[in-house]
Protein backbone atom coordinates (compact mmCIF):
# COMPACT_ATOMS: atom_id res chain seq x y z
CA UNK A 1 49.80 -162.23 -5.66
CA UNK A 2 50.58 -165.96 -4.56
CA UNK A 3 48.03 -168.62 -5.07
CA UNK A 4 47.76 -172.15 -6.01
CA UNK A 5 46.77 -173.72 -9.51
CA UNK A 6 45.44 -177.11 -10.46
CA UNK A 7 45.85 -178.43 -14.01
CA UNK A 8 43.38 -180.83 -15.39
CA UNK A 9 44.48 -182.28 -18.82
CA UNK A 10 44.54 -185.80 -20.15
CA UNK A 11 47.24 -185.38 -22.54
CA UNK A 12 50.53 -185.40 -20.59
CA UNK A 13 52.53 -183.45 -23.18
CA UNK A 14 50.00 -180.69 -23.19
CA UNK A 15 49.84 -180.66 -19.40
CA UNK A 16 53.71 -180.43 -19.12
CA UNK A 17 53.63 -177.65 -21.72
CA UNK A 18 50.92 -175.59 -19.88
CA UNK A 19 52.88 -176.00 -16.59
CA UNK A 20 56.03 -174.77 -18.19
CA UNK A 21 54.29 -171.71 -19.57
CA UNK A 22 52.80 -170.89 -16.26
CA UNK A 23 55.97 -171.30 -14.42
CA UNK A 24 57.70 -168.95 -16.96
CA UNK A 25 54.97 -166.19 -16.77
CA UNK A 26 54.12 -166.68 -13.01
CA UNK A 27 57.06 -168.24 -11.27
CA UNK A 28 55.75 -167.21 -8.07
CA UNK A 29 52.79 -169.56 -8.28
CA UNK A 30 52.43 -173.03 -6.99
CA UNK A 31 51.11 -175.82 -9.24
CA UNK A 32 49.20 -177.98 -6.76
CA UNK A 33 48.70 -180.92 -9.01
CA UNK A 34 48.33 -182.28 -12.64
CA UNK A 35 45.30 -184.64 -13.00
CA UNK A 36 44.09 -186.60 -16.08
CA UNK A 37 40.50 -187.74 -15.38
CA UNK A 38 37.18 -186.77 -14.06
CA UNK A 39 37.45 -189.45 -11.38
CA UNK A 40 40.95 -188.33 -10.24
CA UNK A 41 39.92 -184.71 -10.13
CA UNK A 42 36.84 -185.35 -8.08
CA UNK A 43 38.85 -187.36 -5.66
CA UNK A 44 41.64 -184.68 -5.44
CA UNK A 45 39.11 -181.81 -4.80
CA UNK A 46 37.45 -183.85 -2.11
CA UNK A 47 40.82 -184.34 -0.38
CA UNK A 48 42.48 -180.88 -0.77
CA UNK A 49 41.57 -177.24 -0.26
CA UNK A 50 40.39 -175.67 -3.41
CA UNK A 51 43.12 -174.02 -5.61
CA UNK A 52 42.44 -170.46 -6.63
CA UNK A 53 42.54 -171.31 -10.28
CA UNK A 54 41.85 -174.51 -12.20
CA UNK A 55 42.92 -174.89 -15.84
CA UNK A 56 40.63 -177.61 -17.08
CA UNK A 57 40.34 -179.45 -20.43
CA UNK A 58 36.73 -179.98 -21.44
CA UNK A 59 37.05 -183.44 -22.92
CA UNK A 60 38.89 -185.78 -20.48
CA UNK A 61 39.66 -189.51 -20.96
CA UNK A 62 36.62 -190.63 -18.87
CA UNK A 63 34.04 -187.93 -19.83
CA UNK A 64 33.26 -184.23 -20.14
CA UNK A 65 34.89 -182.12 -17.36
CA UNK A 66 31.56 -180.51 -16.24
CA UNK A 67 30.50 -183.88 -14.56
CA UNK A 68 33.06 -182.87 -12.03
CA UNK A 69 30.93 -180.13 -10.52
CA UNK A 70 27.99 -182.49 -10.28
CA UNK A 71 30.01 -184.62 -7.91
CA UNK A 72 31.89 -182.11 -5.86
CA UNK A 73 31.08 -178.55 -4.91
CA UNK A 74 33.57 -176.01 -6.27
CA UNK A 75 32.86 -172.64 -4.67
CA UNK A 76 35.82 -170.84 -6.24
CA UNK A 77 34.92 -169.94 -9.81
CA UNK A 78 38.53 -169.29 -10.98
CA UNK A 79 38.24 -171.86 -13.73
CA UNK A 80 39.91 -171.55 -17.10
CA UNK A 81 38.61 -174.02 -19.65
CA UNK A 82 41.11 -175.22 -22.33
CA UNK A 83 39.58 -176.48 -25.62
CA UNK A 84 40.11 -177.19 -29.17
CA UNK A 85 36.61 -175.79 -30.10
CA UNK A 86 36.64 -172.42 -32.09
CA UNK A 87 35.50 -169.03 -30.87
CA UNK A 88 31.97 -169.44 -32.45
CA UNK A 89 31.41 -172.54 -30.42
CA UNK A 90 32.41 -170.97 -27.22
CA UNK A 91 29.55 -168.36 -26.82
CA UNK A 92 28.21 -170.38 -23.87
CA UNK A 93 31.38 -169.81 -21.98
CA UNK A 94 31.40 -166.09 -22.75
CA UNK A 95 27.83 -165.75 -21.51
CA UNK A 96 28.79 -167.24 -18.20
CA UNK A 97 32.02 -165.09 -18.00
CA UNK A 98 34.24 -168.10 -17.99
CA UNK A 99 37.83 -167.53 -19.14
CA UNK A 100 39.02 -170.07 -21.70
CA UNK A 101 42.16 -170.86 -23.82
CA UNK A 102 42.05 -172.37 -27.33
CA UNK A 103 44.45 -175.34 -27.95
CA UNK A 104 47.41 -175.12 -28.89
CA UNK A 105 47.70 -172.58 -25.97
CA UNK A 106 49.82 -169.74 -26.81
CA UNK A 107 51.87 -167.84 -24.27
CA UNK A 108 50.44 -164.47 -25.11
CA UNK A 109 46.80 -165.84 -24.63
CA UNK A 110 47.83 -167.25 -21.24
CA UNK A 111 49.29 -163.86 -20.21
CA UNK A 112 46.08 -162.18 -21.14
CA UNK A 113 44.04 -164.75 -19.11
CA UNK A 114 46.05 -164.09 -15.99
CA UNK A 115 45.58 -160.37 -16.50
CA UNK A 116 41.86 -160.89 -16.92
CA UNK A 117 41.60 -162.94 -13.74
CA UNK A 118 43.63 -160.50 -11.62
CA UNK A 119 41.75 -157.43 -12.73
CA UNK A 120 38.21 -159.10 -12.18
CA UNK A 121 38.84 -160.07 -8.60
CA UNK A 122 41.11 -161.24 -5.80
CA UNK A 123 41.44 -164.80 -6.93
CA UNK A 124 42.18 -165.95 -3.42
CA UNK A 125 38.49 -165.24 -2.67
CA UNK A 126 35.51 -166.98 -4.37
CA UNK A 127 34.31 -165.26 -7.56
CA UNK A 128 30.91 -163.81 -7.24
CA UNK A 129 29.22 -164.09 -10.53
CA UNK A 130 25.61 -163.70 -11.53
CA UNK A 131 23.89 -165.63 -12.86
CA UNK A 132 25.17 -169.01 -11.56
CA UNK A 133 26.88 -171.23 -14.11
CA UNK A 134 24.76 -174.03 -15.40
CA UNK A 135 27.51 -176.71 -15.86
CA UNK A 136 24.79 -179.29 -16.88
CA UNK A 137 23.61 -177.08 -19.66
CA UNK A 138 27.23 -176.46 -20.77
CA UNK A 139 27.95 -180.13 -20.95
CA UNK A 140 24.80 -180.55 -23.06
CA UNK A 141 26.06 -178.02 -25.51
CA UNK A 142 29.47 -179.44 -25.64
CA UNK A 143 28.02 -182.82 -26.39
CA UNK A 144 26.03 -181.32 -29.19
CA UNK A 145 29.10 -179.72 -30.70
CA UNK A 146 30.85 -183.07 -30.56
CA UNK A 147 27.91 -184.61 -32.38
CA UNK A 148 27.47 -182.19 -35.14
CA UNK A 149 30.28 -183.74 -37.29
CA UNK A 150 29.49 -186.51 -39.79
CA UNK A 151 30.03 -189.97 -38.52
CA UNK A 152 29.20 -191.79 -41.70
CA UNK A 153 29.29 -191.35 -45.47
CA UNK A 154 26.48 -192.83 -47.70
CA UNK A 155 27.98 -194.28 -50.94
CA UNK A 156 26.39 -196.16 -53.66
CA UNK A 157 27.06 -199.88 -54.11
CA UNK A 158 25.47 -202.08 -56.82
CA UNK A 159 21.81 -201.33 -56.73
CA UNK A 160 21.79 -199.83 -53.33
CA UNK A 161 23.81 -197.87 -50.81
CA UNK A 162 26.05 -198.61 -47.86
CA UNK A 163 27.28 -196.52 -44.92
CA UNK A 164 31.01 -196.03 -44.54
CA UNK A 165 32.27 -194.78 -41.16
CA UNK A 166 34.31 -191.67 -41.51
CA UNK A 167 37.17 -193.12 -39.46
CA UNK A 168 37.62 -195.72 -42.10
CA UNK A 169 38.44 -193.10 -44.72
CA UNK A 170 42.10 -192.32 -45.11
CA UNK A 171 41.53 -189.38 -47.49
CA UNK A 172 39.10 -187.52 -49.74
CA UNK A 173 40.32 -186.25 -53.02
CA UNK A 174 39.30 -184.69 -56.35
CA UNK A 175 39.98 -186.70 -59.46
CA UNK A 176 39.03 -184.75 -62.52
CA UNK A 177 35.75 -183.29 -61.28
CA UNK A 178 34.85 -186.22 -59.01
CA UNK A 179 35.08 -186.39 -55.31
CA UNK A 180 36.47 -189.78 -54.14
CA UNK A 181 36.74 -191.27 -50.67
CA UNK A 182 39.61 -193.72 -50.20
CA UNK A 183 39.56 -195.98 -47.15
CA UNK A 184 42.45 -197.29 -45.36
CA UNK A 185 41.92 -200.58 -47.18
CA UNK A 186 42.28 -198.84 -50.45
CA UNK A 187 38.61 -198.97 -51.39
CA UNK A 188 37.44 -196.08 -53.41
CA UNK A 189 33.99 -194.50 -53.28
CA UNK A 190 32.62 -191.81 -55.49
CA UNK A 191 30.74 -189.07 -53.50
CA UNK A 192 28.24 -186.40 -54.42
CA UNK A 193 29.62 -183.88 -52.05
CA UNK A 194 32.34 -181.38 -52.90
CA UNK A 195 35.52 -181.14 -50.78
CA UNK A 196 34.27 -177.73 -49.52
CA UNK A 197 31.17 -179.32 -48.26
CA UNK A 198 33.04 -182.09 -46.47
CA UNK A 199 35.43 -179.64 -45.03
CA UNK A 200 32.61 -178.02 -43.09
CA UNK A 201 31.11 -181.43 -42.09
CA UNK A 202 34.14 -183.30 -40.81
CA UNK A 203 35.78 -183.09 -37.54
CA UNK A 204 38.76 -180.76 -37.78
CA UNK A 205 40.51 -182.68 -35.13
CA UNK A 206 40.71 -185.56 -37.42
CA UNK A 207 40.49 -184.20 -40.96
CA UNK A 208 42.17 -181.26 -42.53
CA UNK A 209 42.09 -179.94 -46.11
CA UNK A 210 45.81 -179.77 -46.97
CA UNK A 211 45.41 -178.38 -50.42
CA UNK A 212 42.70 -177.97 -53.16
CA UNK A 213 42.89 -181.69 -53.94
CA UNK A 214 43.05 -183.57 -50.67
CA UNK A 215 41.37 -183.65 -47.31
CA UNK A 216 43.49 -186.02 -45.06
CA UNK A 217 42.73 -188.05 -42.00
CA UNK A 218 45.47 -187.49 -39.59
CA UNK A 219 45.84 -191.24 -38.83
CA UNK A 220 46.73 -191.83 -42.49
CA UNK A 221 49.81 -189.53 -42.33
CA UNK A 222 53.19 -191.33 -42.10
CA UNK A 223 55.62 -188.40 -42.56
CA UNK A 224 55.86 -184.77 -43.50
CA UNK A 225 58.96 -183.80 -45.52
CA UNK A 226 60.31 -180.20 -46.41
CA UNK A 227 59.92 -179.43 -50.16
CA UNK A 228 61.52 -176.58 -52.11
CA UNK A 229 59.84 -173.15 -52.05
CA UNK A 230 59.12 -173.59 -48.38
CA UNK A 231 56.46 -176.23 -49.07
CA UNK A 232 55.74 -179.50 -47.57
CA UNK A 233 55.17 -182.97 -48.86
CA UNK A 234 52.96 -185.39 -47.05
CA UNK A 235 53.68 -189.13 -47.16
CA UNK A 236 50.80 -191.39 -46.33
CA UNK A 237 51.21 -194.71 -44.57
CA UNK A 238 52.85 -197.42 -46.66
CA UNK A 239 49.75 -199.33 -47.36
CA UNK A 240 47.87 -196.22 -48.56
CA UNK A 241 48.56 -194.90 -52.17
CA UNK A 242 47.41 -191.42 -53.18
CA UNK A 243 46.61 -190.68 -56.87
CA UNK A 244 49.23 -187.87 -56.94
CA UNK A 245 51.88 -186.29 -54.75
CA UNK A 246 50.41 -184.43 -51.80
CA UNK A 247 52.16 -181.05 -51.71
CA UNK A 248 51.32 -178.33 -49.22
CA UNK A 249 51.75 -174.76 -50.31
CA UNK A 250 54.05 -172.25 -48.35
CA UNK A 251 50.95 -170.41 -47.25
CA UNK A 252 49.25 -173.58 -45.99
CA UNK A 253 52.43 -175.17 -44.35
CA UNK A 254 52.04 -173.35 -41.09
CA UNK A 255 48.26 -174.24 -40.66
CA UNK A 256 49.14 -177.93 -41.44
CA UNK A 257 52.01 -177.95 -38.91
CA UNK A 258 49.75 -176.44 -36.20
CA UNK A 259 47.05 -179.08 -36.98
CA UNK A 260 49.51 -181.85 -36.68
CA UNK A 261 50.98 -180.46 -33.47
CA UNK A 262 47.73 -180.57 -31.39
């Protein structure tokens, strides 16, 4: 089966990686284009025949991808969403029978998507799915998912409290039995929350619990070094000092590398 594919992904490296995987798995297919934004995708779809399949990142540089379908009619439903959201957050997509891929995209997952598409229907023809997909509702649900993570931390200061934006925090740590938030400016704030609670409340794209003592902001990491016993040592930016060496266990090392490689 020979048909055209469009890739909509705002990260050039991820787009190139997906193209390479597709060309390896399905060398007979034609990549019609690689687009980065909602605006460019709308313009492309208005100027070209619809491709049989569109691999589409949900969050693009200029907005959520669902707004594309409010501006241009796409009759072919051969759309595969690519996303960093976990399976539990994707129930809306399953209900609407939309194929999706979790980032980072694995080759075996991509193979399964092609198998699914080709067994459902001849992709050259429009998919006839019922009920119709409510892209506006999906956009609302994705926005709610993005807004569920903590944006601020309330900390005590003198005889009152102040709000500290989470993006200003380089890392959270346990010192004794106390949870401390350390900012990029090396200011420390004692918190009532535990690291386990913070782990659930912080955006996993930005924050990751690398061991029992630390949750790190990805923007605070300067270097990751190999350590004996197949462990890792994480070095923070030169202007950020940690209370102790940040060591990642052998069992956790793979997860940390995967998080950093998104």
